[in-house]
């Protein structure tokens, strides 16, 4: 079977985006890592939220070997991935006013905690209100989004604002409006989205920065080990026991 030129082009596009994020967002990623480290050191909690496919990078840092044990997924029913039928319902829920506030009110998140909100477009009511409400109750908000959408589209929130307007730190994924890296004569729609690859890398970079910041302060980062290596389960059991009051995915 011959090598696919399009497959190679997608890899090149993704690598190019990763290099841009590495070079252009480094100060903001370091700042986000410091916010996470501050929360860990102060005894606060960590949460990540994303709707639809933006939930995938959020879930990727929860209960993850090599990741911080304190990162919890803030779930909004019907929006975590494509777990509802029909899948279009999840998209509709992202536009419902008031849903974010109800979720936060019933969550354990409180003053001093950190919430990472992932939304590629940052234009829908759910991520905008999630950020607004989170900051109102004292959370630090890290937004992972494509800033290009703020000039290339219109907000769907009544305020006319985007996720980026309500964050303590904004991490720009550099993804173009439409999230499709390739086109080809004979194919009417652009294809090959790269947002999940890039955003997942951003999330792992923030976690790495946080771990390094904690170590620089002389603190042991509460990291999980793989359960598929010898001693992994025992290590994780000790971590979860020590930090059990801040780990909600095990309750």
Protein backbone atom coordinates (compact mmCIF):
# COMPACT_ATOMS: atom_id res chain seq x y z
CA UNK A 1 0.00 0.00 0.00
CA UNK A 2 1.46 3.37 -0.99
CA UNK A 3 2.14 6.04 1.57
CA UNK A 4 -0.71 8.52 1.98
CA UNK A 5 0.29 12.07 1.08
CA UNK A 6 -2.70 13.44 2.99
CA UNK A 7 -1.78 11.55 6.15
CA UNK A 8 1.67 13.08 6.02
CA UNK A 9 0.19 16.52 5.44
CA UNK A 10 -1.97 16.14 8.53
CA UNK A 11 1.04 15.21 10.65
CA UNK A 12 2.91 18.22 9.28
CA UNK A 13 -0.03 20.51 10.10
CA UNK A 14 -0.36 19.15 13.63
CA UNK A 15 3.37 19.43 14.25
CA UNK A 16 3.33 22.99 12.96
CA UNK A 17 0.53 23.91 15.36
CA UNK A 18 2.31 22.25 18.27
CA UNK A 19 5.47 24.20 17.48
CA UNK A 20 3.53 27.46 17.36
CA UNK A 21 1.88 26.76 20.71
CA UNK A 22 5.22 25.75 22.24
CA UNK A 23 6.93 28.93 21.06
CA UNK A 24 4.14 31.49 21.41
CA UNK A 25 2.23 30.25 24.46
CA UNK A 26 5.17 29.26 26.68
CA UNK A 27 4.75 32.17 29.16
CA UNK A 28 1.02 31.53 29.49
CA UNK A 29 1.52 27.79 29.95
CA UNK A 30 4.04 28.53 32.70
CA UNK A 31 1.55 30.92 34.30
CA UNK A 32 -1.18 28.29 34.17
CA UNK A 33 1.18 25.73 35.70
CA UNK A 34 1.88 28.13 38.55
CA UNK A 35 -1.85 28.58 39.22
CA UNK A 36 -2.25 24.81 39.41
CA UNK A 37 0.78 24.46 41.68
CA UNK A 38 -0.51 27.24 43.92
CA UNK A 39 -3.81 25.41 44.37
CA UNK A 40 -2.12 22.10 45.13
CA UNK A 41 0.23 23.71 47.64
CA UNK A 42 -2.60 25.62 49.37
CA UNK A 43 -4.80 22.54 49.82
CA UNK A 44 -7.29 23.50 47.14
CA UNK A 45 -8.83 21.39 44.39
CA UNK A 46 -8.40 21.11 40.61
CA UNK A 47 -11.15 20.70 38.04
CA UNK A 48 -11.31 20.44 34.25
CA UNK A 49 -14.33 20.98 32.04
CA UNK A 50 -15.05 20.69 28.34
CA UNK A 51 -18.15 19.94 26.29
CA UNK A 52 -18.43 17.72 23.23
CA UNK A 53 -15.05 16.90 21.74
CA UNK A 54 -13.52 19.57 23.99
CA UNK A 55 -14.23 17.21 26.87
CA UNK A 56 -11.63 14.76 25.57
CA UNK A 57 -8.55 16.82 26.57
CA UNK A 58 -10.23 17.52 29.92
CA UNK A 59 -10.77 13.83 30.57
CA UNK A 60 -7.23 13.08 29.45
CA UNK A 61 -5.76 14.65 32.59
CA UNK A 62 -8.13 12.93 35.04
CA UNK A 63 -7.09 9.68 36.78
CA UNK A 64 -4.15 9.55 34.43
CA UNK A 65 -0.87 7.69 34.89
CA UNK A 66 1.84 10.35 35.03
CA UNK A 67 -0.76 13.01 35.85
CA UNK A 68 -1.81 14.90 38.94
CA UNK A 69 -4.15 12.84 41.09
CA UNK A 70 -6.03 15.97 42.17
CA UNK A 71 -7.44 16.79 38.73
CA UNK A 72 -11.18 16.13 38.68
CA UNK A 73 -13.55 16.14 35.70
CA UNK A 74 -16.40 18.61 36.13
CA UNK A 75 -19.16 16.83 34.26
CA UNK A 76 -22.20 18.49 32.74
CA UNK A 77 -24.76 15.76 31.96
CA UNK A 78 -25.22 15.25 28.26
CA UNK A 79 -22.11 17.15 27.19
CA UNK A 80 -19.23 14.84 28.09
CA UNK A 81 -18.04 13.68 24.70
CA UNK A 82 -20.75 12.22 22.47
CA UNK A 83 -22.44 10.18 25.18
CA UNK A 84 -26.05 11.20 24.41
CA UNK A 85 -28.47 10.13 21.68
CA UNK A 86 -28.87 11.90 19.41
CA UNK A 87 -25.36 13.34 19.52
CA UNK A 88 -26.74 16.68 18.36
CA UNK A 89 -28.40 17.08 21.77
CA UNK A 90 -24.97 17.67 23.29
CA UNK A 91 -24.41 20.60 20.95
CA UNK A 92 -27.81 22.02 21.86
CA UNK A 93 -27.07 21.78 25.59
CA UNK A 94 -23.96 23.93 25.12
CA UNK A 95 -26.28 26.81 24.21
CA UNK A 96 -28.60 26.51 27.23
CA UNK A 97 -28.48 29.49 29.58
CA UNK A 98 -28.19 28.72 33.29
CA UNK A 99 -26.87 25.18 32.97
CA UNK A 100 -23.32 26.09 33.99
CA UNK A 101 -24.46 27.82 37.16
CA UNK A 102 -26.57 24.84 38.20
CA UNK A 103 -23.63 22.48 37.70
CA UNK A 104 -21.22 24.65 39.68
CA UNK A 105 -23.73 25.11 42.51
CA UNK A 106 -24.00 21.33 42.92
CA UNK A 107 -20.27 20.66 42.58
CA UNK A 108 -17.61 20.63 45.31
CA UNK A 109 -15.74 23.51 43.63
CA UNK A 110 -15.18 26.49 45.92
CA UNK A 111 -13.10 29.58 46.56
CA UNK A 112 -9.40 29.09 45.78
CA UNK A 113 -9.85 26.09 43.50
CA UNK A 114 -8.69 26.04 39.87
CA UNK A 115 -10.96 25.24 36.94
CA UNK A 116 -9.60 24.60 33.45
CA UNK A 117 -12.28 25.27 30.85
CA UNK A 118 -11.71 23.91 27.35
CA UNK A 119 -13.76 25.23 24.47
CA UNK A 120 -12.41 25.45 20.95
CA UNK A 121 -14.70 28.28 19.86
CA UNK A 122 -15.36 29.74 23.30
CA UNK A 123 -18.58 31.20 21.90
CA UNK A 124 -21.33 29.08 23.43
CA UNK A 125 -23.27 29.90 26.57
CA UNK A 126 -22.01 26.92 28.56
CA UNK A 127 -18.25 27.67 28.65
CA UNK A 128 -18.80 31.43 28.90
CA UNK A 129 -21.16 31.12 31.85
CA UNK A 130 -19.00 28.44 33.43
CA UNK A 131 -16.09 30.87 33.49
CA UNK A 132 -18.20 33.80 34.68
CA UNK A 133 -19.80 31.83 37.49
CA UNK A 134 -16.55 30.16 38.52
CA UNK A 135 -14.76 33.45 38.95
CA UNK A 136 -17.76 34.87 40.84
CA UNK A 137 -17.34 32.19 43.52
CA UNK A 138 -13.57 32.66 43.76
CA UNK A 139 -12.15 30.05 41.41
CA UNK A 140 -9.13 30.71 39.26
CA UNK A 141 -10.02 30.01 35.63
CA UNK A 142 -7.67 28.78 32.93
CA UNK A 143 -9.23 28.92 29.48
CA UNK A 144 -7.99 26.76 26.61
CA UNK A 145 -9.50 28.04 23.38
CA UNK A 146 -8.83 29.27 19.87
CA UNK A 147 -8.67 33.05 20.08
CA UNK A 148 -9.28 33.22 16.32
CA UNK A 149 -12.95 32.47 16.90
CA UNK A 150 -13.40 35.74 18.79
CA UNK A 151 -12.75 37.66 15.57
CA UNK A 152 -14.01 35.09 13.07
CA UNK A 153 -17.40 34.33 14.66
CA UNK A 154 -20.04 35.93 16.89
CA UNK A 155 -20.64 34.98 20.50
CA UNK A 156 -23.75 32.94 21.27
CA UNK A 157 -23.89 34.31 24.82
CA UNK A 158 -26.18 37.21 25.67
CA UNK A 159 -23.20 39.26 26.84
CA UNK A 160 -21.56 39.06 23.43
CA UNK A 161 -18.37 37.82 25.10
CA UNK A 162 -16.23 34.73 24.64
CA UNK A 163 -14.55 32.33 27.07
CA UNK A 164 -11.28 34.23 26.67
CA UNK A 165 -12.90 37.32 28.22
CA UNK A 166 -13.49 35.62 31.58
CA UNK A 167 -10.22 33.83 32.40
CA UNK A 168 -7.25 34.46 34.64
CA UNK A 169 -5.04 32.80 32.03
CA UNK A 170 -5.86 32.15 28.36
CA UNK A 171 -4.06 29.44 26.39
CA UNK A 172 -4.52 29.90 22.65
CA UNK A 173 -4.56 26.64 20.69
CA UNK A 174 -3.99 28.50 17.39
CA UNK A 175 -6.63 26.36 15.68
CA UNK A 176 -8.20 28.05 12.65
CA UNK A 177 -11.95 28.68 12.58
CA UNK A 178 -13.60 25.49 11.39
CA UNK A 179 -11.00 23.11 12.85
CA UNK A 180 -10.00 21.33 9.64
CA UNK A 181 -6.42 21.29 8.41
CA UNK A 182 -6.79 19.73 4.96
CA UNK A 183 -8.71 20.24 1.74
CA UNK A 184 -8.68 18.41 -1.59
CA UNK A 185 -10.22 18.86 -5.01
CA UNK A 186 -13.19 16.55 -5.24
CA UNK A 187 -13.97 16.77 -1.52
CA UNK A 188 -16.45 19.54 -0.79
CA UNK A 189 -15.75 19.99 2.93
CA UNK A 190 -12.42 20.61 4.67
CA UNK A 191 -11.30 17.73 6.87
CA UNK A 192 -8.72 16.43 9.39
CA UNK A 193 -9.30 18.39 12.62
CA UNK A 194 -6.27 18.91 14.88
CA UNK A 195 -7.84 20.55 17.93
CA UNK A 196 -7.85 17.41 20.09
CA UNK A 197 -4.17 16.69 19.41
CA UNK A 198 -3.10 20.26 20.16
CA UNK A 199 -5.37 20.86 23.13
CA UNK A 200 -4.42 17.57 24.78
CA UNK A 201 -0.77 18.54 24.40
CA UNK A 202 -1.49 21.91 26.00
CA UNK A 203 -3.14 20.22 28.96
CA UNK A 204 -0.22 17.85 29.49
CA UNK A 205 2.21 20.76 29.18
CA UNK A 206 0.37 22.64 31.93
CA UNK A 207 0.45 19.56 34.17
CA UNK A 208 4.19 19.21 33.53
CA UNK A 209 4.77 22.86 34.34
CA UNK A 210 2.79 22.48 37.56
CA UNK A 211 4.76 19.41 38.63
CA UNK A 212 8.02 21.23 37.99
CA UNK A 213 6.85 24.27 39.94
CA UNK A 214 5.88 22.12 42.92
CA UNK A 215 9.24 20.36 42.86
CA UNK A 216 11.00 23.73 42.73
CA UNK A 217 9.22 24.64 45.96
CA UNK A 218 10.38 21.43 47.60
CA UNK A 219 6.95 19.82 47.39
CA UNK A 220 6.23 16.34 46.07
CA UNK A 221 3.71 16.54 43.20
CA UNK A 222 0.78 14.17 43.85
CA UNK A 223 1.31 12.12 40.70
CA UNK A 224 -0.26 8.81 39.74
CA UNK A 225 1.70 5.88 38.37
CA UNK A 226 0.55 3.38 35.79
CA UNK A 227 -1.41 0.50 37.25
CA UNK A 228 0.26 -1.72 34.66
CA UNK A 229 3.74 -1.46 36.17
CA UNK A 230 4.84 -3.29 39.30
CA UNK A 231 4.02 -1.32 42.41
CA UNK A 232 1.70 1.07 40.57
CA UNK A 233 -1.46 0.15 42.44
CA UNK A 234 0.24 0.43 45.80
CA UNK A 235 1.68 3.84 44.91
CA UNK A 236 -1.69 5.11 43.71
CA UNK A 237 -3.42 3.79 46.80
CA UNK A 238 -1.10 5.82 49.03
CA UNK A 239 -1.61 8.97 46.96
CA UNK A 240 -5.38 8.61 46.96
CA UNK A 241 -5.43 8.02 50.71
CA UNK A 242 -3.28 11.06 51.41
CA UNK A 243 -5.25 13.38 49.12
CA UNK A 244 -8.64 11.68 49.32
CA UNK A 245 -10.48 14.82 50.40
CA UNK A 246 -9.55 16.50 47.11
CA UNK A 247 -10.12 13.55 44.75
CA UNK A 248 -13.77 13.25 43.72
CA UNK A 249 -13.60 10.77 40.85
CA UNK A 250 -13.04 7.95 43.35
CA UNK A 251 -16.09 8.66 45.52
